[in-house]
C-alpha atoms as a PDB file:
ATOM      1  CA  MET A   1      25.833  -8.877  11.231  1.00  0.00           C
ATOM      2  CA  ASN A   2      22.134  -8.548  12.614  1.00  0.00           C
ATOM      3  CA  GLY A   3      21.082  -9.356  16.286  1.00  0.00           C
ATOM      4  CA  THR A   4      16.950  -9.597  15.307  1.00  0.00           C
ATOM      5  CA  LYS A   5      17.759 -12.995  13.610  1.00  0.00           C
ATOM      6  CA  ASP A   6      18.814 -16.240  15.618  1.00  0.00           C
ATOM      7  CA  LYS A   7      21.744 -18.360  14.010  1.00  0.00           C
ATOM      8  CA  TYR A   8      19.120 -20.526  11.431  1.00  0.00           C
ATOM      9  CA  GLN A   9      17.330 -17.228  10.371  1.00  0.00           C
ATOM     10  CA  TYR A  10      20.875 -15.780   9.730  1.00  0.00           C
ATOM     11  CA  TYR A  11      21.962 -18.742   7.817  1.00  0.00           C
ATOM     12  CA  ASN A  12      18.916 -18.294   5.362  1.00  0.00           C
ATOM     13  CA  HIS A  13      19.546 -14.564   5.259  1.00  0.00           C
ATOM     14  CA  LEU A  14      23.451 -15.357   4.090  1.00  0.00           C
ATOM     15  CA  LYS A  15      22.335 -18.285   1.937  1.00  0.00           C
ATOM     16  CA  ASN A  16      19.906 -15.974   0.001  1.00  0.00           C
ATOM     17  CA  ILE A  17      22.466 -13.282  -0.542  1.00  0.00           C
ATOM     18  CA  LEU A  18      25.354 -15.881  -1.502  1.00  0.00           C
ATOM     19  CA  GLU A  19      22.816 -18.001  -3.929  1.00  0.00           C
ATOM     20  CA  GLU A  20      21.790 -14.676  -5.628  1.00  0.00           C
ATOM     21  CA  ASN A  21      25.414 -14.022  -6.620  1.00  0.00           C
ATOM     22  CA  GLY A  22      25.923 -17.387  -7.583  1.00  0.00           C
ATOM     23  CA  ILE A  23      27.731 -18.879  -5.065  1.00  0.00           C
ATOM     24  CA  GLU A  24      27.133 -22.520  -3.508  1.00  0.00           C
ATOM     25  CA  ILE A  25      26.147 -22.840  -0.173  1.00  0.00           C
ATOM     26  CA  SER A  26      26.177 -26.006   1.746  1.00  0.00           C
ATOM     27  CA  LEU A  27      23.863 -27.191   4.397  1.00  0.00           C
ATOM     28  CA  TYR A  28      24.857 -25.965   7.897  1.00  0.00           C
ATOM     29  CA  GLU A  29      25.989 -28.073  10.597  1.00  0.00           C
ATOM     30  CA  ASP A  30      25.804 -27.012  14.335  1.00  0.00           C
ATOM     31  CA  ILE A  31      28.818 -26.109  16.405  1.00  0.00           C
ATOM     32  CA  ASN A  32      29.057 -24.964  19.805  1.00  0.00           C
ATOM     33  CA  TYR A  33      27.347 -21.393  20.120  1.00  0.00           C
ATOM     34  CA  GLY A  34      26.350 -21.398  16.581  1.00  0.00           C
ATOM     35  CA  LEU A  35      26.482 -23.291  12.847  1.00  0.00           C
ATOM     36  CA  GLN A  36      28.866 -23.332  10.330  1.00  0.00           C
ATOM     37  CA  PHE A  37      28.832 -24.140   6.563  1.00  0.00           C
ATOM     38  CA  SER A  38      31.321 -23.953   3.732  1.00  0.00           C
ATOM     39  CA  ILE A  39      30.946 -22.299  -0.081  1.00  0.00           C
ATOM     40  CA  ILE A  40      32.667 -22.725  -3.249  1.00  0.00           C
ATOM     41  CA  ILE A  41      33.809 -19.457  -5.300  1.00  0.00           C
ATOM     42  CA  SER A  42      35.837 -20.492  -8.329  1.00  0.00           C
ATOM     43  CA  GLY A  43      35.884 -24.464  -7.563  1.00  0.00           C
ATOM     44  CA  LYS A  44      37.624 -23.759  -3.816  1.00  0.00           C
ATOM     45  CA  LYS A  45      35.663 -24.653  -0.901  1.00  0.00           C
ATOM     46  CA  HIS A  46      35.623 -21.863   2.475  1.00  0.00           C
ATOM     47  CA  LEU A  47      34.265 -22.277   5.785  1.00  0.00           C
ATOM     48  CA  ILE A  48      32.556 -19.636   7.414  1.00  0.00           C
ATOM     49  CA  ARG A  49      30.865 -19.684  10.912  1.00  0.00           C
ATOM     50  CA  VAL A  50      27.714 -17.885  12.290  1.00  0.00           C
ATOM     51  CA  TYR A  51      27.903 -17.366  16.409  1.00  0.00           C
ATOM     52  CA  GLU A  52      24.988 -16.507  18.469  1.00  0.00           C
ATOM     53  CA  ASN A  53      24.773 -15.367  21.663  1.00  0.00           C
ATOM     54  CA  LYS A  54      22.145 -13.225  24.269  1.00  0.00           C
ATOM     55  CA  LYS A  55      24.127 -10.510  24.231  1.00  0.00           C
ATOM     56  CA  ASN A  56      25.522  -9.664  20.746  1.00  0.00           C
ATOM     57  CA  GLY A  57      23.105 -11.519  18.826  1.00  0.00           C
ATOM     58  CA  THR A  58      24.154 -13.192  15.817  1.00  0.00           C
ATOM     59  CA  ARG A  59      27.209 -12.619  13.677  1.00  0.00           C
ATOM     60  CA  CYS A  60      29.153 -14.065  10.781  1.00  0.00           C
ATOM     61  CA  ASP A  61      32.894 -15.357  11.137  1.00  0.00           C
ATOM     62  CA  LEU A  62      35.071 -15.458   8.109  1.00  0.00           C
ATOM     63  CA  SER A  63      38.333 -15.870  10.015  1.00  0.00           C
ATOM     64  CA  GLN A  64      38.460 -19.740   8.195  1.00  0.00           C
ATOM     65  CA  ILE A  65      38.558 -17.895   4.664  1.00  0.00           C
ATOM     66  CA  LYS A  66      42.095 -17.671   3.848  1.00  0.00           C
ATOM     67  CA  ASP A  67      42.135 -17.086   0.347  1.00  0.00           C
ATOM     68  CA  GLU A  68      42.055 -13.018   0.430  1.00  0.00           C
ATOM     69  CA  ALA A  69      39.848 -12.218  -2.836  1.00  0.00           C
ATOM     70  CA  ALA A  70      37.409 -14.900  -1.254  1.00  0.00           C
ATOM     71  CA  TYR A  71      37.092 -12.876   1.938  1.00  0.00           C
ATOM     72  CA  LYS A  72      37.053  -9.569   0.155  1.00  0.00           C
ATOM     73  CA  LEU A  73      34.216 -10.606  -2.292  1.00  0.00           C
ATOM     74  CA  ILE A  74      32.230 -12.368   0.922  1.00  0.00           C
ATOM     75  CA  ASP A  75      32.942  -9.215   3.420  1.00  0.00           C
ATOM     76  CA  GLY A  76      31.756  -7.060   0.629  1.00  0.00           C
ATOM     77  CA  LEU A  77      28.325  -8.609   0.120  1.00  0.00           C
ATOM     78  CA  LEU A  78      27.878  -9.252   4.005  1.00  0.00           C
ATOM     79  CA  ARG A  79      28.205  -5.252   4.388  1.00  0.00           C
ATOM     80  CA  THR A  80      26.106  -3.943   1.841  1.00  0.00           C
ATOM     81  CA  GLY A  81      23.317  -6.819   3.127  1.00  0.00           C
ATOM     82  CA  SER A  82      22.061  -6.770  -0.569  1.00  0.00           C
ATOM     83  CA  LEU A  83      23.116  -6.192  -4.247  1.00  0.00           C
ATOM     84  CA  LYS A  84      21.843  -2.625  -4.739  1.00  0.00           C
ATOM     85  CA  ALA A  85      24.349  -0.170  -5.343  1.00  0.00           C
ATOM     86  CA  GLU A  86      24.314   3.360  -3.539  1.00  0.00           C
ATOM     87  CA  LYS A  87      24.799   6.325  -5.781  1.00  0.00           C
ATOM     88  CA  ALA A  88      27.530   8.167  -5.101  1.00  0.00           C
ATOM     89  CA  GLU A  89      27.911  12.184  -6.055  1.00  0.00           C
ATOM     90  CA  GLU A  90      28.559  12.820  -9.528  1.00  0.00           C
ATOM     91  CA  PRO A  91      30.671  15.100 -10.827  1.00  0.00           C
ATOM     92  CA  GLN A  92      27.767  17.280 -11.952  1.00  0.00           C
ATOM     93  CA  GLU A  93      23.718  17.599 -11.556  1.00  0.00           C
ATOM     94  CA  ALA A  94      22.496  13.941 -10.799  1.00  0.00           C
ATOM     95  CA  ASP A  95      20.596  13.813 -14.151  1.00  0.00           C
ATOM     96  CA  ALA A  96      23.940  14.669 -16.121  1.00  0.00           C
ATOM     97  CA  GLY A  97      24.666  12.240 -18.817  1.00  0.00           C
ATOM     98  CA  LEU A  98      27.771  10.382 -17.584  1.00  0.00           C
ATOM     99  CA  ILE A  99      30.886   8.033 -19.098  1.00  0.00           C
ATOM    100  CA  GLY A 100      32.405   5.796 -15.975  1.00  0.00           C
ATOM    101  CA  THR A 101      35.557   4.129 -16.786  1.00  0.00           C
ATOM    102  CA  ASP A 102      37.373   1.292 -15.170  1.00  0.00           C
ATOM    103  CA  GLU A 103      39.995  -1.318 -15.501  1.00  0.00           C
ATOM    104  CA  SER A 104      40.240  -5.061 -14.619  1.00  0.00           C
ATOM    105  CA  GLY A 105      43.540  -7.278 -14.364  1.00  0.00           C
ATOM    106  CA  LYS A 106      45.998  -4.569 -13.791  1.00  0.00           C
ATOM    107  CA  GLY A 107      47.311  -6.418 -10.830  1.00  0.00           C
ATOM    108  CA  ASP A 108      47.198  -9.677 -11.978  1.00  0.00           C
ATOM    109  CA  TYR A 109      50.260 -11.256 -13.576  1.00  0.00           C
ATOM    110  CA  PHE A 110      48.446 -13.604 -15.977  1.00  0.00           C
ATOM    111  CA  GLY A 111      46.071 -12.378 -18.504  1.00  0.00           C
ATOM    112  CA  PRO A 112      45.441  -9.158 -20.358  1.00  0.00           C
ATOM    113  CA  LEU A 113      44.680  -5.358 -18.975  1.00  0.00           C
ATOM    114  CA  VAL A 114      40.949  -4.904 -19.676  1.00  0.00           C
ATOM    115  CA  ILE A 115      39.547  -1.016 -19.474  1.00  0.00           C
ATOM    116  CA  ALA A 116      35.805  -0.541 -20.160  1.00  0.00           C
ATOM    117  CA  GLY A 117      33.813   3.140 -20.267  1.00  0.00           C
ATOM    118  CA  VAL A 118      30.080   2.818 -19.909  1.00  0.00           C
ATOM    119  CA  TYR A 119      27.671   5.850 -20.555  1.00  0.00           C
ATOM    120  CA  ALA A 120      24.681   6.402 -19.053  1.00  0.00           C
ATOM    121  CA  ASP A 121      21.748   9.369 -18.944  1.00  0.00           C
ATOM    122  CA  ALA A 122      19.455   9.319 -16.108  1.00  0.00           C
ATOM    123  CA  GLY A 123      17.302   6.661 -17.356  1.00  0.00           C
ATOM    124  CA  MET A 124      20.003   4.036 -17.912  1.00  0.00           C
ATOM    125  CA  LYS A 125      21.307   5.201 -14.596  1.00  0.00           C
ATOM    126  CA  LYS A 126      17.987   4.128 -12.836  1.00  0.00           C
ATOM    127  CA  LYS A 127      18.052   1.028 -14.600  1.00  0.00           C
ATOM    128  CA  LEU A 128      21.385   0.012 -13.624  1.00  0.00           C
ATOM    129  CA  MET A 129      20.565   0.802 -10.182  1.00  0.00           C
ATOM    130  CA  GLU A 130      17.695  -1.538 -10.438  1.00  0.00           C
ATOM    131  CA  THR A 131      20.362  -4.401 -11.808  1.00  0.00           C
ATOM    132  CA  GLY A 132      22.212  -4.407  -8.280  1.00  0.00           C
ATOM    133  CA  ALA A 133      25.090  -3.200 -10.779  1.00  0.00           C
ATOM    134  CA  ALA A 134      27.879  -3.014  -7.754  1.00  0.00           C
ATOM    135  CA  ASP A 135      31.841  -2.372  -7.814  1.00  0.00           C
ATOM    136  CA  SER A 136      32.897  -5.725  -9.627  1.00  0.00           C
ATOM    137  CA  LYS A 137      35.372  -6.627  -6.565  1.00  0.00           C
ATOM    138  CA  THR A 138      31.983  -7.335  -4.377  1.00  0.00           C
ATOM    139  CA  LEU A 139      30.681  -9.746  -6.874  1.00  0.00           C
ATOM    140  CA  SER A 140      31.294 -13.491  -8.038  1.00  0.00           C
ATOM    141  CA  ASP A 141      31.956 -14.206 -11.504  1.00  0.00           C
ATOM    142  CA  ALA A 142      28.534 -15.758 -12.138  1.00  0.00           C
ATOM    143  CA  ARG A 143      26.986 -12.533 -10.665  1.00  0.00           C
ATOM    144  CA  ILE A 144      29.403 -10.527 -13.119  1.00  0.00           C
ATOM    145  CA  ARG A 145      28.379 -12.723 -15.897  1.00  0.00           C
ATOM    146  CA  LYS A 146      24.648 -12.367 -15.752  1.00  0.00           C
ATOM    147  CA  LEU A 147      25.144  -8.479 -14.674  1.00  0.00           C
ATOM    148  CA  ALA A 148      27.320  -7.868 -18.086  1.00  0.00           C
ATOM    149  CA  GLU A 149      24.363  -9.031 -20.338  1.00  0.00           C
ATOM    150  CA  GLU A 150      22.244  -6.841 -18.763  1.00  0.00           C
ATOM    151  CA  ILE A 151      24.289  -3.537 -18.683  1.00  0.00           C
ATOM    152  CA  ALA A 152      25.163  -4.469 -21.980  1.00  0.00           C
ATOM    153  CA  GLY A 153      21.095  -4.229 -23.049  1.00  0.00           C
ATOM    154  CA  ILE A 154      21.102  -0.823 -20.980  1.00  0.00           C
ATOM    155  CA  CYS A 155      23.897   1.148 -21.866  1.00  0.00           C
ATOM    156  CA  LYS A 156      26.375   2.329 -24.487  1.00  0.00           C
ATOM    157  CA  TYR A 157      29.683   1.000 -23.631  1.00  0.00           C
ATOM    158  CA  SER A 158      33.649   0.465 -25.201  1.00  0.00           C
ATOM    159  CA  VAL A 159      35.798  -2.067 -23.884  1.00  0.00           C
ATOM    160  CA  VAL A 160      39.574  -1.947 -24.667  1.00  0.00           C
ATOM    161  CA  ILE A 161      41.314  -5.583 -24.470  1.00  0.00           C
ATOM    162  CA  ILE A 162      45.302  -4.918 -24.308  1.00  0.00           C
ATOM    163  CA  GLY A 163      46.010  -8.476 -24.672  1.00  0.00           C
ATOM    164  CA  ASN A 164      49.760  -9.910 -22.961  1.00  0.00           C
ATOM    165  CA  LYS A 165      51.724  -9.822 -26.376  1.00  0.00           C
ATOM    166  CA  ARG A 166      50.785  -6.408 -26.852  1.00  0.00           C
ATOM    167  CA  TYR A 167      50.640  -5.182 -23.272  1.00  0.00           C
ATOM    168  CA  ASN A 168      54.388  -6.068 -22.863  1.00  0.00           C
ATOM    169  CA  GLU A 169      54.993  -4.454 -26.255  1.00  0.00           C
ATOM    170  CA  LEU A 170      53.601  -1.307 -25.095  1.00  0.00           C
ATOM    171  CA  TYR A 171      54.729  -1.570 -21.683  1.00  0.00           C
ATOM    172  CA  GLU A 172      58.442  -1.868 -23.116  1.00  0.00           C
ATOM    173  CA  LYS A 173      57.961   1.272 -24.698  1.00  0.00           C
ATOM    174  CA  ILE A 174      56.055   3.221 -22.177  1.00  0.00           C
ATOM    175  CA  GLU A 175      57.612   1.846 -19.249  1.00  0.00           C
ATOM    176  CA  ASN A 176      55.339   3.032 -16.794  1.00  0.00           C
ATOM    177  CA  LEU A 177      51.639   1.235 -15.998  1.00  0.00           C
ATOM    178  CA  ASN A 178      49.880   4.795 -14.974  1.00  0.00           C
ATOM    179  CA  LYS A 179      50.440   6.096 -18.734  1.00  0.00           C
ATOM    180  CA  LEU A 180      49.195   2.772 -20.115  1.00  0.00           C
ATOM    181  CA  LEU A 181      46.170   2.790 -17.925  1.00  0.00           C
ATOM    182  CA  ALA A 182      45.679   6.267 -18.808  1.00  0.00           C
ATOM    183  CA  TRP A 183      45.939   5.476 -22.568  1.00  0.00           C
ATOM    184  CA  GLY A 184      43.183   2.844 -22.383  1.00  0.00           C
ATOM    185  CA  HIS A 185      40.895   4.659 -20.483  1.00  0.00           C
ATOM    186  CA  ALA A 186      41.189   7.709 -22.853  1.00  0.00           C
ATOM    187  CA  ARG A 187      40.586   5.193 -25.855  1.00  0.00           C
ATOM    188  CA  VAL A 188      37.202   4.097 -24.369  1.00  0.00           C
ATOM    189  CA  ILE A 189      36.242   7.444 -23.833  1.00  0.00           C
ATOM    190  CA  GLU A 190      36.915   8.697 -27.290  1.00  0.00           C
ATOM    191  CA  ASN A 191      35.152   5.784 -28.412  1.00  0.00           C
ATOM    192  CA  LEU A 192      32.119   6.372 -26.721  1.00  0.00           C
ATOM    193  CA  LEU A 193      31.982  10.050 -27.361  1.00  0.00           C
ATOM    194  CA  GLU A 194      31.894   8.853 -31.318  1.00  0.00           C
ATOM    195  CA  GLU A 195      28.244   7.403 -30.081  1.00  0.00           C
ATOM    196  CA  THR A 196      27.250  10.035 -27.691  1.00  0.00           C
ATOM    197  CA  ASP A 197      27.285  13.756 -26.828  1.00  0.00           C
ATOM    198  CA  CYS A 198      28.870  13.903 -23.400  1.00  0.00           C
ATOM    199  CA  SER A 199      30.002  16.019 -21.308  1.00  0.00           C
ATOM    200  CA  TYR A 200      31.239  14.566 -17.867  1.00  0.00           C
ATOM    201  CA  ALA A 201      33.313  11.616 -17.182  1.00  0.00           C
ATOM    202  CA  LEU A 202      34.765   9.777 -14.227  1.00  0.00           C
ATOM    203  CA  SER A 203      37.039   7.006 -13.289  1.00  0.00           C
ATOM    204  CA  ASP A 204      38.869   5.674 -10.127  1.00  0.00           C
ATOM    205  CA  GLN A 205      41.895   7.709  -9.062  1.00  0.00           C
ATOM    206  CA  PHE A 206      45.042   5.612  -9.985  1.00  0.00           C
ATOM    207  CA  GLY A 207      47.488   8.358 -11.143  1.00  0.00           C
ATOM    208  CA  SER A 208      47.677  11.929 -12.027  1.00  0.00           C
ATOM    209  CA  PRO A 209      44.251  13.137 -13.775  1.00  0.00           C
ATOM    210  CA  GLU A 210      46.438  14.941 -16.090  1.00  0.00           C
ATOM    211  CA  LEU A 211      47.603  11.536 -17.684  1.00  0.00           C
ATOM    212  CA  ILE A 212      44.170  10.692 -19.313  1.00  0.00           C
ATOM    213  CA  LYS A 213      43.528  14.150 -20.045  1.00  0.00           C
ATOM    214  CA  ASN A 214      47.062  14.280 -21.922  1.00  0.00           C
ATOM    215  CA  ALA A 215      46.010  11.169 -23.668  1.00  0.00           C
ATOM    216  CA  LEU A 216      42.868  12.454 -25.430  1.00  0.00           C
ATOM    217  CA  LEU A 217      42.179  13.081 -28.848  1.00  0.00           C
ATOM    218  CA  GLU A 218      40.206  16.311 -30.256  1.00  0.00           C
ATOM    219  CA  LYS A 219      36.972  15.039 -29.148  1.00  0.00           C
ATOM    220  CA  GLY A 220      37.852  14.257 -25.665  1.00  0.00           C
ATOM    221  CA  LYS A 221      39.660  17.563 -24.957  1.00  0.00           C
ATOM    222  CA  ASN A 222      36.489  19.505 -23.848  1.00  0.00           C
ATOM    223  CA  ILE A 223      35.063  16.750 -21.696  1.00  0.00           C
ATOM    224  CA  ASN A 224      35.077  17.660 -17.617  1.00  0.00           C
ATOM    225  CA  LEU A 225      36.752  14.687 -16.679  1.00  0.00           C
ATOM    226  CA  GLU A 226      37.241  13.248 -12.635  1.00  0.00           C
ATOM    227  CA  GLN A 227      38.916  10.973 -11.233  1.00  0.00           C
ATOM    228  CA  ARG A 228      38.587  10.113  -7.296  1.00  0.00           C
ATOM    229  CA  PRO A 229      39.226   6.898  -5.067  1.00  0.00           C
ATOM    230  CA  ARG A 230      36.458   4.613  -4.795  1.00  0.00           C
ATOM    231  CA  ALA A 231      34.737   5.782  -7.918  1.00  0.00           C
ATOM    232  CA  GLU A 232      33.307   2.438  -8.290  1.00  0.00           C
ATOM    233  CA  GLU A 233      30.618   3.646  -5.555  1.00  0.00           C
ATOM    234  CA  ASN A 234      29.056   5.266  -8.725  1.00  0.00           C
ATOM    235  CA  VAL A 235      26.699   2.857 -10.473  1.00  0.00           C
ATOM    236  CA  VAL A 236      28.094   4.023 -13.823  1.00  0.00           C
ATOM    237  CA  VAL A 237      31.628   3.589 -13.174  1.00  0.00           C
ATOM    238  CA  ALA A 238      30.583   0.092 -11.271  1.00  0.00           C
ATOM    239  CA  ALA A 239      29.098  -0.822 -14.333  1.00  0.00           C
ATOM    240  CA  ALA A 240      32.353  -0.495 -16.281  1.00  0.00           C
ATOM    241  CA  SER A 241      33.945  -2.531 -13.562  1.00  0.00           C
ATOM    242  CA  ILE A 242      31.676  -5.314 -14.765  1.00  0.00           C
ATOM    243  CA  LEU A 243      32.053  -5.039 -18.019  1.00  0.00           C
ATOM    244  CA  ALA A 244      36.062  -4.969 -17.972  1.00  0.00           C
ATOM    245  CA  ARG A 245      36.093  -8.012 -15.415  1.00  0.00           C
ATOM    246  CA  ASN A 246      33.512 -10.177 -17.108  1.00  0.00           C
ATOM    247  CA  GLU A 247      35.892  -9.507 -20.170  1.00  0.00           C
ATOM    248  CA  TYR A 248      39.122 -10.466 -18.222  1.00  0.00           C
ATOM    249  CA  VAL A 249      37.554 -13.648 -17.075  1.00  0.00           C
ATOM    250  CA  LYS A 250      36.201 -14.829 -20.109  1.00  0.00           C
ATOM    251  CA  ALA A 251      40.117 -14.162 -21.657  1.00  0.00           C
ATOM    252  CA  MET A 252      41.449 -15.623 -18.784  1.00  0.00           C
ATOM    253  CA  ASN A 253      39.125 -19.047 -19.699  1.00  0.00           C
ATOM    254  CA  LYS A 254      40.490 -19.180 -23.226  1.00  0.00           C
ATOM    255  CA  LEU A 255      43.806 -19.335 -21.807  1.00  0.00           C
ATOM    256  CA  ALA A 256      43.200 -22.000 -19.695  1.00  0.00           C
ATOM    257  CA  GLU A 257      41.559 -23.820 -22.542  1.00  0.00           C
ATOM    258  CA  LYS A 258      44.336 -23.174 -25.222  1.00  0.00           C
ATOM    259  CA  TYR A 259      47.589 -23.960 -22.664  1.00  0.00           C
ATOM    260  CA  GLY A 260      45.456 -26.855 -20.542  1.00  0.00           C
ATOM    261  CA  MET A 261      46.266 -25.320 -17.174  1.00  0.00           C
ATOM    262  CA  GLU A 262      44.792 -23.074 -14.770  1.00  0.00           C
ATOM    263  CA  PHE A 263      46.170 -19.534 -14.304  1.00  0.00           C
ATOM    264  CA  PRO A 264      45.502 -18.071 -10.538  1.00  0.00           C
ATOM    265  CA  LYS A 265      44.371 -14.758 -10.901  1.00  0.00           C
ATOM    266  CA  GLY A 266      46.684 -12.071  -8.350  1.00  0.00           C
ATOM    267  CA  SER A 267      50.116 -12.354  -8.014  1.00  0.00           C
ATOM    268  CA  SER A 268      50.416 -14.515  -4.836  1.00  0.00           C
ATOM    269  CA  SER A 269      52.936 -17.574  -4.620  1.00  0.00           C
ATOM    270  CA  MET A 270      50.428 -19.387  -5.961  1.00  0.00           C
ATOM    271  CA  VAL A 271      50.768 -17.842  -9.438  1.00  0.00           C
ATOM    272  CA  THR A 272      54.364 -17.952  -9.059  1.00  0.00           C
ATOM    273  CA  GLU A 273      54.157 -21.480  -8.996  1.00  0.00           C
ATOM    274  CA  ALA A 274      51.818 -21.438 -11.870  1.00  0.00           C
ATOM    275  CA  ALA A 275      54.267 -19.485 -14.061  1.00  0.00           C
ATOM    276  CA  LYS A 276      56.825 -21.909 -12.870  1.00  0.00           C
ATOM    277  CA  GLU A 277      54.679 -24.953 -14.413  1.00  0.00           C
ATOM    278  CA  PHE A 278      53.813 -23.090 -17.641  1.00  0.00           C
ATOM    279  CA  VAL A 279      57.317 -22.178 -18.522  1.00  0.00           C
ATOM    280  CA  LEU A 280      58.462 -26.191 -17.871  1.00  0.00           C
ATOM    281  CA  LEU A 281      55.514 -27.236 -20.127  1.00  0.00           C
ATOM    282  CA  HIS A 282      55.746 -24.226 -23.019  1.00  0.00           C
ATOM    283  CA  GLY A 283      59.136 -22.890 -22.530  1.00  0.00           C
ATOM    284  CA  LYS A 284      59.916 -19.097 -21.571  1.00  0.00           C
ATOM    285  CA  GLU A 285      59.660 -17.648 -24.585  1.00  0.00           C
ATOM    286  CA  LYS A 286      55.835 -18.383 -24.724  1.00  0.00           C
ATOM    287  CA  LEU A 287      55.269 -16.573 -21.361  1.00  0.00           C
ATOM    288  CA  SER A 288      54.982 -13.093 -22.979  1.00  0.00           C
ATOM    289  CA  GLU A 289      51.712 -14.649 -24.392  1.00  0.00           C
ATOM    290  CA  VAL A 290      50.054 -15.073 -21.108  1.00  0.00           C
ATOM    291  CA  ALA A 291      51.859 -12.762 -18.373  1.00  0.00           C
ATOM    292  CA  LYS A 292      52.758  -9.189 -17.818  1.00  0.00           C
ATOM    293  CA  LEU A 293      56.311  -9.653 -17.982  1.00  0.00           C
ATOM    294  CA  HIS A 294      57.231  -6.427 -15.787  1.00  0.00           C
ATOM    295  CA  PHE A 295      55.823  -8.217 -12.826  1.00  0.00           C
ATOM    296  CA  VAL A 296      58.676  -9.495  -9.972  1.00  0.00           C
ATOM    297  CA  ILE A 297      57.536 -12.580 -10.506  1.00  0.00           C
ATOM    298  CA  THR A 298      59.104 -13.087 -13.739  1.00  0.00           C
ATOM    299  CA  GLY A 299      62.565 -12.689 -12.181  1.00  0.00           C
ATOM    300  CA  LYS A 300      61.388 -15.562  -9.802  1.00  0.00           C
ATOM    301  CA  ILE A 301      61.205 -17.974 -12.145  1.00  0.00           C
END
């Protein structure tokens, strides 16, 4: 939203933000009191409108975007107005080295669970901020892919990918997603501590902090670990979220290529229909190779 721009200037403003994130945008067409245009995210077209009046200036209308993930992506981009992540307050002094961890695939029926950890000192944090690293939920897949390459060239990192077959075996033993997540976060922290001497770690809040602490081995027992909501506001955790999401997307693409069908993300009715299609094509015994079986979707099919 920007009252200083007319609808055409605002369209160009949006165009710059969207194209910088790898989102395809069409030419606009005029409508009553504004204009409209379409964008394409993951092969799907969505409609955006811009309205203009003398009292309120210009405003962006996302009400025609019915896909929740697409809406959150665009809304996040338009709220920030740029790709620069704001550095949230860190557990200790700003110059301290930090390990940030995050995961991807936790709420997705199809595909693996991916946990990533990134270590950054003060110089690396500055470079991360210059790249525009931000919470992966606000970025397109194309932008994530580009940023992941940059992050890998700046920081030390570790990625743990728990494929579906292994995920289902572990869940059957543990029977608790938070404990499984804690195990993955602890592993990437331990892996990074093999390469660097770091005293602080930060992760998103997904359960009791004791879960991760209890899963840490000898090297990790002495680290100062903090969990908090919206930890992705910290640029190091944001970088970890980007690496995790990039590996998740790559894994999903491999599944699509292997089985000759698209696997929708999330756990919507569209996902349920895709699961039914998969069982018809490949049999229910193969479902454990592509899905997280403890989701309620399994019972529906």
